[in-house]
Amino acid sequence: MAAEANVNFYRTHTSDSINKEISDSQNEISEAQEEVNKNLDDYQAQQKLENAKDSLADFQNQLKMYDQISSDINISGNVDNYLNNAKSKVDEYNKLKAEEKNLSNQIDELQQKQAAVLNSLS
């Protein structure tokens, strides 16, 4: 379940650790940019710069995700409530999907009956 993965991420990271990774990535970008500026034809330096930018974007996304998970857990009261709420939402979703399938089958049956009646009137 996605909620369990979120909790695992939440428990194995902190905003401080992610912010440190962001800072390190920003430093890598500065260093790589200096290398590129020295030699614009240096493919390895350009690749290093692109990789550092990608890493920065990844860590920024992780920080947003961490903040969202943290907020959701705080709103729920604690991790157990968060997981229980997520399970309830999944159960409700599954129930609605089953109901949707049932209604779709009923519509199909009614359309077939309607077609049979119309054919019999022709």
N, C-alpha and C. Protein backbone atom coordinates (compact mmCIF):
# COMPACT_ATOMS: atom_id res chain seq x y z
N MET A 1 0.84 -1.17 0.00
CA MET A 1 0.00 0.00 0.00
C MET A 1 0.90 1.25 0.00
N ALA A 2 0.48 2.27 -0.72
CA ALA A 2 1.26 3.50 -0.84
C ALA A 2 1.48 4.16 0.52
N ALA A 3 0.50 4.09 1.38
CA ALA A 3 0.62 4.72 2.71
C ALA A 3 1.77 4.09 3.50
N GLU A 4 1.93 2.78 3.37
CA GLU A 4 3.03 2.11 4.08
C GLU A 4 4.38 2.56 3.53
N ALA A 5 4.46 2.73 2.22
CA ALA A 5 5.70 3.23 1.61
C ALA A 5 5.97 4.66 2.08
N ASN A 6 4.91 5.46 2.18
CA ASN A 6 5.06 6.83 2.68
C ASN A 6 5.59 6.85 4.11
N VAL A 7 5.04 5.97 4.94
CA VAL A 7 5.47 5.91 6.34
C VAL A 7 6.93 5.46 6.41
N ASN A 8 7.30 4.49 5.59
CA ASN A 8 8.69 4.04 5.57
C ASN A 8 9.61 5.19 5.16
N PHE A 9 9.22 5.93 4.13
CA PHE A 9 10.01 7.09 3.71
C PHE A 9 10.11 8.11 4.84
N TYR A 10 8.98 8.38 5.49
CA TYR A 10 8.92 9.35 6.59
C TYR A 10 9.84 8.92 7.74
N ARG A 11 9.86 7.63 8.02
CA ARG A 11 10.66 7.14 9.15
C ARG A 11 12.15 7.07 8.84
N THR A 12 12.50 7.00 7.56
CA THR A 12 13.92 6.85 7.20
C THR A 12 14.55 8.16 6.74
N HIS A 13 13.80 9.24 6.74
CA HIS A 13 14.31 10.54 6.32
C HIS A 13 13.91 11.61 7.33
N THR A 14 14.62 12.71 7.28
CA THR A 14 14.24 13.90 8.03
C THR A 14 14.35 15.08 7.08
N SER A 15 13.67 16.16 7.41
CA SER A 15 13.80 17.34 6.55
C SER A 15 15.24 17.85 6.59
N ASP A 16 15.91 17.71 7.73
CA ASP A 16 17.32 18.14 7.83
C ASP A 16 18.21 17.33 6.90
N SER A 17 18.01 16.01 6.86
CA SER A 17 18.85 15.18 6.00
C SER A 17 18.60 15.49 4.52
N ILE A 18 17.36 15.75 4.16
CA ILE A 18 17.05 16.07 2.76
C ILE A 18 17.59 17.46 2.42
N ASN A 19 17.46 18.40 3.35
CA ASN A 19 18.01 19.75 3.11
C ASN A 19 19.52 19.71 2.94
N LYS A 20 20.19 18.82 3.67
CA LYS A 20 21.64 18.67 3.50
C LYS A 20 21.95 18.16 2.10
N GLU A 21 21.18 17.21 1.63
CA GLU A 21 21.37 16.69 0.27
C GLU A 21 21.14 17.79 -0.76
N ILE A 22 20.15 18.63 -0.52
CA ILE A 22 19.89 19.77 -1.41
C ILE A 22 21.09 20.71 -1.44
N SER A 23 21.61 21.01 -0.27
CA SER A 23 22.78 21.89 -0.17
C SER A 23 23.98 21.29 -0.88
N ASP A 24 24.21 19.99 -0.66
CA ASP A 24 25.32 19.31 -1.32
C ASP A 24 25.15 19.34 -2.84
N SER A 25 23.93 19.14 -3.30
CA SER A 25 23.66 19.17 -4.74
C SER A 25 23.90 20.57 -5.31
N GLN A 26 23.51 21.58 -4.56
CA GLN A 26 23.74 22.96 -5.02
C GLN A 26 25.24 23.23 -5.14
N ASN A 27 26.02 22.71 -4.19
CA ASN A 27 27.48 22.87 -4.26
C ASN A 27 28.04 22.12 -5.46
N GLU A 28 27.52 20.92 -5.72
CA GLU A 28 27.97 20.15 -6.89
C GLU A 28 27.66 20.91 -8.18
N ILE A 29 26.51 21.55 -8.24
CA ILE A 29 26.14 22.33 -9.42
C ILE A 29 27.13 23.48 -9.62
N SER A 30 27.46 24.17 -8.53
CA SER A 30 28.42 25.29 -8.63
C SER A 30 29.77 24.81 -9.13
N GLU A 31 30.24 23.70 -8.58
CA GLU A 31 31.54 23.16 -9.00
C GLU A 31 31.50 22.71 -10.46
N ALA A 32 30.44 22.04 -10.83
CA ALA A 32 30.33 21.55 -12.20
C ALA A 32 30.20 22.72 -13.18
N GLN A 33 29.47 23.76 -12.77
CA GLN A 33 29.32 24.93 -13.64
C GLN A 33 30.67 25.60 -13.87
N GLU A 34 31.50 25.65 -12.83
CA GLU A 34 32.84 26.21 -12.98
C GLU A 34 33.66 25.41 -13.99
N GLU A 35 33.56 24.08 -13.92
CA GLU A 35 34.27 23.23 -14.86
C GLU A 35 33.79 23.46 -16.29
N VAL A 36 32.49 23.58 -16.46
CA VAL A 36 31.93 23.82 -17.80
C VAL A 36 32.39 25.19 -18.32
N ASN A 37 32.39 26.18 -17.43
CA ASN A 37 32.81 27.52 -17.84
C ASN A 37 34.27 27.56 -18.31
N LYS A 38 35.11 26.69 -17.73
CA LYS A 38 36.52 26.62 -18.12
C LYS A 38 36.67 26.04 -19.52
N ASN A 39 35.79 25.09 -19.85
CA ASN A 39 35.89 24.43 -21.17
C ASN A 39 34.49 24.02 -21.60
N LEU A 40 33.89 24.82 -22.46
CA LEU A 40 32.51 24.57 -22.90
C LEU A 40 32.38 23.28 -23.72
N ASP A 41 33.50 22.77 -24.22
CA ASP A 41 33.46 21.54 -25.01
C ASP A 41 33.66 20.28 -24.17
N ASP A 42 33.81 20.43 -22.86
CA ASP A 42 34.05 19.29 -21.98
C ASP A 42 32.73 18.56 -21.72
N TYR A 43 32.55 17.45 -22.45
CA TYR A 43 31.31 16.68 -22.34
C TYR A 43 31.12 16.13 -20.93
N GLN A 44 32.20 15.65 -20.33
CA GLN A 44 32.08 15.07 -18.98
C GLN A 44 31.65 16.13 -17.96
N ALA A 45 32.16 17.33 -18.09
CA ALA A 45 31.77 18.41 -17.17
C ALA A 45 30.31 18.77 -17.39
N GLN A 46 29.88 18.81 -18.65
CA GLN A 46 28.48 19.10 -18.93
C GLN A 46 27.56 18.00 -18.38
N GLN A 47 28.00 16.76 -18.51
CA GLN A 47 27.21 15.64 -17.99
C GLN A 47 27.15 15.70 -16.46
N LYS A 48 28.26 16.05 -15.85
CA LYS A 48 28.30 16.18 -14.39
C LYS A 48 27.34 17.27 -13.93
N LEU A 49 27.30 18.37 -14.67
CA LEU A 49 26.39 19.47 -14.35
C LEU A 49 24.94 19.02 -14.48
N GLU A 50 24.60 18.32 -15.54
CA GLU A 50 23.23 17.84 -15.73
C GLU A 50 22.84 16.85 -14.63
N ASN A 51 23.76 15.97 -14.28
CA ASN A 51 23.48 14.99 -13.21
C ASN A 51 23.25 15.70 -11.87
N ALA A 52 24.05 16.72 -11.61
CA ALA A 52 23.89 17.47 -10.35
C ALA A 52 22.54 18.20 -10.33
N LYS A 53 22.15 18.75 -11.47
CA LYS A 53 20.84 19.42 -11.55
C LYS A 53 19.70 18.42 -11.35
N ASP A 54 19.85 17.23 -11.94
CA ASP A 54 18.84 16.19 -11.76
C ASP A 54 18.75 15.76 -10.29
N SER A 55 19.91 15.62 -9.65
CA SER A 55 19.93 15.25 -8.23
C SER A 55 19.24 16.31 -7.39
N LEU A 56 19.52 17.56 -7.67
CA LEU A 56 18.88 18.65 -6.93
C LEU A 56 17.36 18.58 -7.08
N ALA A 57 16.89 18.39 -8.30
CA ALA A 57 15.44 18.29 -8.53
C ALA A 57 14.85 17.11 -7.77
N ASP A 58 15.56 15.98 -7.76
CA ASP A 58 15.08 14.80 -7.03
C ASP A 58 14.96 15.09 -5.53
N PHE A 59 15.98 15.72 -4.97
CA PHE A 59 15.96 16.01 -3.54
C PHE A 59 14.90 17.05 -3.19
N GLN A 60 14.69 18.01 -4.09
CA GLN A 60 13.63 18.99 -3.85
C GLN A 60 12.26 18.30 -3.86
N ASN A 61 12.08 17.36 -4.77
CA ASN A 61 10.83 16.59 -4.79
C ASN A 61 10.68 15.75 -3.54
N GLN A 62 11.78 15.16 -3.08
CA GLN A 62 11.73 14.38 -1.84
C GLN A 62 11.32 15.25 -0.67
N LEU A 63 11.84 16.47 -0.62
CA LEU A 63 11.49 17.36 0.48
C LEU A 63 10.01 17.71 0.44
N LYS A 64 9.48 17.98 -0.74
CA LYS A 64 8.04 18.26 -0.87
C LYS A 64 7.23 17.05 -0.41
N MET A 65 7.67 15.86 -0.85
CA MET A 65 6.96 14.64 -0.47
C MET A 65 7.03 14.43 1.05
N TYR A 66 8.20 14.62 1.63
CA TYR A 66 8.36 14.46 3.08
C TYR A 66 7.44 15.43 3.82
N ASP A 67 7.43 16.68 3.37
CA ASP A 67 6.58 17.68 4.03
C ASP A 67 5.10 17.31 3.92
N GLN A 68 4.68 16.79 2.77
CA GLN A 68 3.28 16.41 2.58
C GLN A 68 2.93 15.22 3.48
N ILE A 69 3.81 14.22 3.52
CA ILE A 69 3.57 13.05 4.36
C ILE A 69 3.52 13.47 5.83
N SER A 70 4.47 14.30 6.22
CA SER A 70 4.52 14.77 7.60
C SER A 70 3.23 15.50 7.96
N SER A 71 2.77 16.36 7.06
CA SER A 71 1.53 17.09 7.29
C SER A 71 0.34 16.13 7.41
N ASP A 72 0.28 15.16 6.50
CA ASP A 72 -0.83 14.19 6.53
C ASP A 72 -0.83 13.38 7.83
N ILE A 73 0.36 12.99 8.28
CA ILE A 73 0.46 12.23 9.53
C ILE A 73 0.04 13.11 10.72
N ASN A 74 0.48 14.36 10.71
CA ASN A 74 0.11 15.26 11.80
C ASN A 74 -1.39 15.52 11.83
N ILE A 75 -1.99 15.66 10.66
CA ILE A 75 -3.44 15.86 10.59
C ILE A 75 -4.17 14.63 11.13
N SER A 76 -3.64 13.45 10.83
CA SER A 76 -4.25 12.20 11.30
C SER A 76 -4.03 11.97 12.79
N GLY A 77 -3.06 12.61 13.35
CA GLY A 77 -2.78 12.46 14.77
C GLY A 77 -1.53 11.64 15.03
N ASN A 78 -1.35 10.55 14.30
CA ASN A 78 -0.16 9.73 14.42
C ASN A 78 -0.08 8.76 13.24
N VAL A 79 1.01 8.02 13.18
CA VAL A 79 1.24 7.12 12.04
C VAL A 79 0.15 6.05 11.95
N ASP A 80 -0.24 5.48 13.08
CA ASP A 80 -1.26 4.42 13.05
C ASP A 80 -2.59 4.95 12.50
N ASN A 81 -2.99 6.12 12.93
CA ASN A 81 -4.23 6.71 12.41
C ASN A 81 -4.11 7.00 10.92
N TYR A 82 -2.93 7.48 10.50
CA TYR A 82 -2.68 7.76 9.09
C TYR A 82 -2.86 6.49 8.27
N LEU A 83 -2.26 5.39 8.74
CA LEU A 83 -2.38 4.12 8.02
C LEU A 83 -3.82 3.61 8.02
N ASN A 84 -4.51 3.74 9.15
CA ASN A 84 -5.91 3.31 9.22
C ASN A 84 -6.79 4.13 8.28
N ASN A 85 -6.54 5.44 8.24
CA ASN A 85 -7.30 6.30 7.33
C ASN A 85 -7.05 5.91 5.87
N ALA A 86 -5.81 5.63 5.56
CA ALA A 86 -5.47 5.23 4.19
C ALA A 86 -6.14 3.91 3.84
N LYS A 87 -6.14 2.96 4.77
CA LYS A 87 -6.79 1.68 4.53
C LYS A 87 -8.28 1.87 4.31
N SER A 88 -8.89 2.74 5.10
CA SER A 88 -10.32 3.02 4.94
C SER A 88 -10.61 3.61 3.57
N LYS A 89 -9.74 4.51 3.12
CA LYS A 89 -9.93 5.12 1.80
C LYS A 89 -9.78 4.09 0.69
N VAL A 90 -8.82 3.19 0.83
CA VAL A 90 -8.64 2.12 -0.16
C VAL A 90 -9.85 1.20 -0.17
N ASP A 91 -10.33 0.85 1.02
CA ASP A 91 -11.53 -0.01 1.11
C ASP A 91 -12.73 0.66 0.46
N GLU A 92 -12.92 1.94 0.70
CA GLU A 92 -14.03 2.69 0.11
C GLU A 92 -13.88 2.76 -1.40
N TYR A 93 -12.67 2.98 -1.86
CA TYR A 93 -12.41 3.02 -3.31
C TYR A 93 -12.76 1.67 -3.94
N ASN A 94 -12.30 0.60 -3.33
CA ASN A 94 -12.58 -0.74 -3.86
C ASN A 94 -14.08 -1.02 -3.89
N LYS A 95 -14.78 -0.59 -2.84
CA LYS A 95 -16.22 -0.77 -2.78
C LYS A 95 -16.90 -0.01 -3.91
N LEU A 96 -16.48 1.23 -4.13
CA LEU A 96 -17.06 2.03 -5.20
C LEU A 96 -16.75 1.46 -6.58
N LYS A 97 -15.55 0.94 -6.77
CA LYS A 97 -15.20 0.32 -8.05
C LYS A 97 -16.07 -0.91 -8.31
N ALA A 98 -16.31 -1.70 -7.28
CA ALA A 98 -17.18 -2.88 -7.43
C ALA A 98 -18.61 -2.44 -7.77
N GLU A 99 -19.07 -1.40 -7.10
CA GLU A 99 -20.41 -0.87 -7.36
C GLU A 99 -20.51 -0.33 -8.79
N GLU A 100 -19.45 0.34 -9.23
CA GLU A 100 -19.42 0.86 -10.60
C GLU A 100 -19.50 -0.29 -11.61
N LYS A 101 -18.76 -1.35 -11.36
CA LYS A 101 -18.78 -2.51 -12.26
C LYS A 101 -20.18 -3.12 -12.29
N ASN A 102 -20.81 -3.26 -11.13
CA ASN A 102 -22.15 -3.81 -11.04
C ASN A 102 -23.14 -2.95 -11.83
N LEU A 103 -23.06 -1.64 -11.66
CA LEU A 103 -23.96 -0.74 -12.38
C LEU A 103 -23.70 -0.80 -13.90
N SER A 104 -22.46 -0.90 -14.26
CA SER A 104 -22.12 -1.02 -15.68
C SER A 104 -22.71 -2.29 -16.28
N ASN A 105 -22.64 -3.38 -15.53
CA ASN A 105 -23.24 -4.65 -15.99
C ASN A 105 -24.75 -4.52 -16.11
N GLN A 106 -25.37 -3.84 -15.16
CA GLN A 106 -26.82 -3.63 -15.21
C GLN A 106 -27.21 -2.80 -16.44
N ILE A 107 -26.43 -1.78 -16.73
CA ILE A 107 -26.69 -0.95 -17.91
C ILE A 107 -26.57 -1.79 -19.18
N ASP A 108 -25.54 -2.62 -19.24
CA ASP A 108 -25.36 -3.50 -20.41
C ASP A 108 -26.56 -4.42 -20.58
N GLU A 109 -27.03 -5.01 -19.48
CA GLU A 109 -28.19 -5.91 -19.55
C GLU A 109 -29.44 -5.16 -20.02
N LEU A 110 -29.66 -3.96 -19.50
CA LEU A 110 -30.83 -3.17 -19.91
C LEU A 110 -30.75 -2.77 -21.38
N GLN A 111 -29.56 -2.46 -21.83
CA GLN A 111 -29.40 -2.11 -23.25
C GLN A 111 -29.69 -3.32 -24.15
N GLN A 112 -29.25 -4.48 -23.69
CA GLN A 112 -29.53 -5.70 -24.47
C GLN A 112 -31.03 -5.98 -24.50
N LYS A 113 -31.70 -5.83 -23.37
CA LYS A 113 -33.16 -6.03 -23.32
C LYS A 113 -33.87 -5.01 -24.20
N GLN A 114 -33.41 -3.77 -24.15
CA GLN A 114 -34.01 -2.72 -24.97
C GLN A 114 -33.85 -3.07 -26.45
N ALA A 115 -32.68 -3.51 -26.83
CA ALA A 115 -32.44 -3.88 -28.23
C ALA A 115 -33.32 -5.05 -28.63
N ALA A 116 -33.51 -6.02 -27.74
CA ALA A 116 -34.37 -7.17 -28.04
C ALA A 116 -35.82 -6.72 -28.23
N VAL A 117 -36.28 -5.83 -27.37
CA VAL A 117 -37.65 -5.33 -27.49
C VAL A 117 -37.81 -4.57 -28.79
N LEU A 118 -36.86 -3.72 -29.13
CA LEU A 118 -36.95 -2.96 -30.37
C LEU A 118 -36.92 -3.86 -31.60
N ASN A 119 -36.12 -4.92 -31.52
CA ASN A 119 -36.07 -5.89 -32.62
C ASN A 119 -37.39 -6.64 -32.75
N SER A 120 -38.01 -6.94 -31.64
CA SER A 120 -39.26 -7.68 -31.70
C SER A 120 -40.41 -6.81 -32.25
N LEU A 121 -40.28 -5.50 -32.09
CA LEU A 121 -41.31 -4.59 -32.59
C LEU A 121 -41.16 -4.31 -34.09
N SER A 122 -40.01 -4.61 -34.63
CA SER A 122 -39.77 -4.35 -36.05
C SER A 122 -40.41 -5.35 -36.97
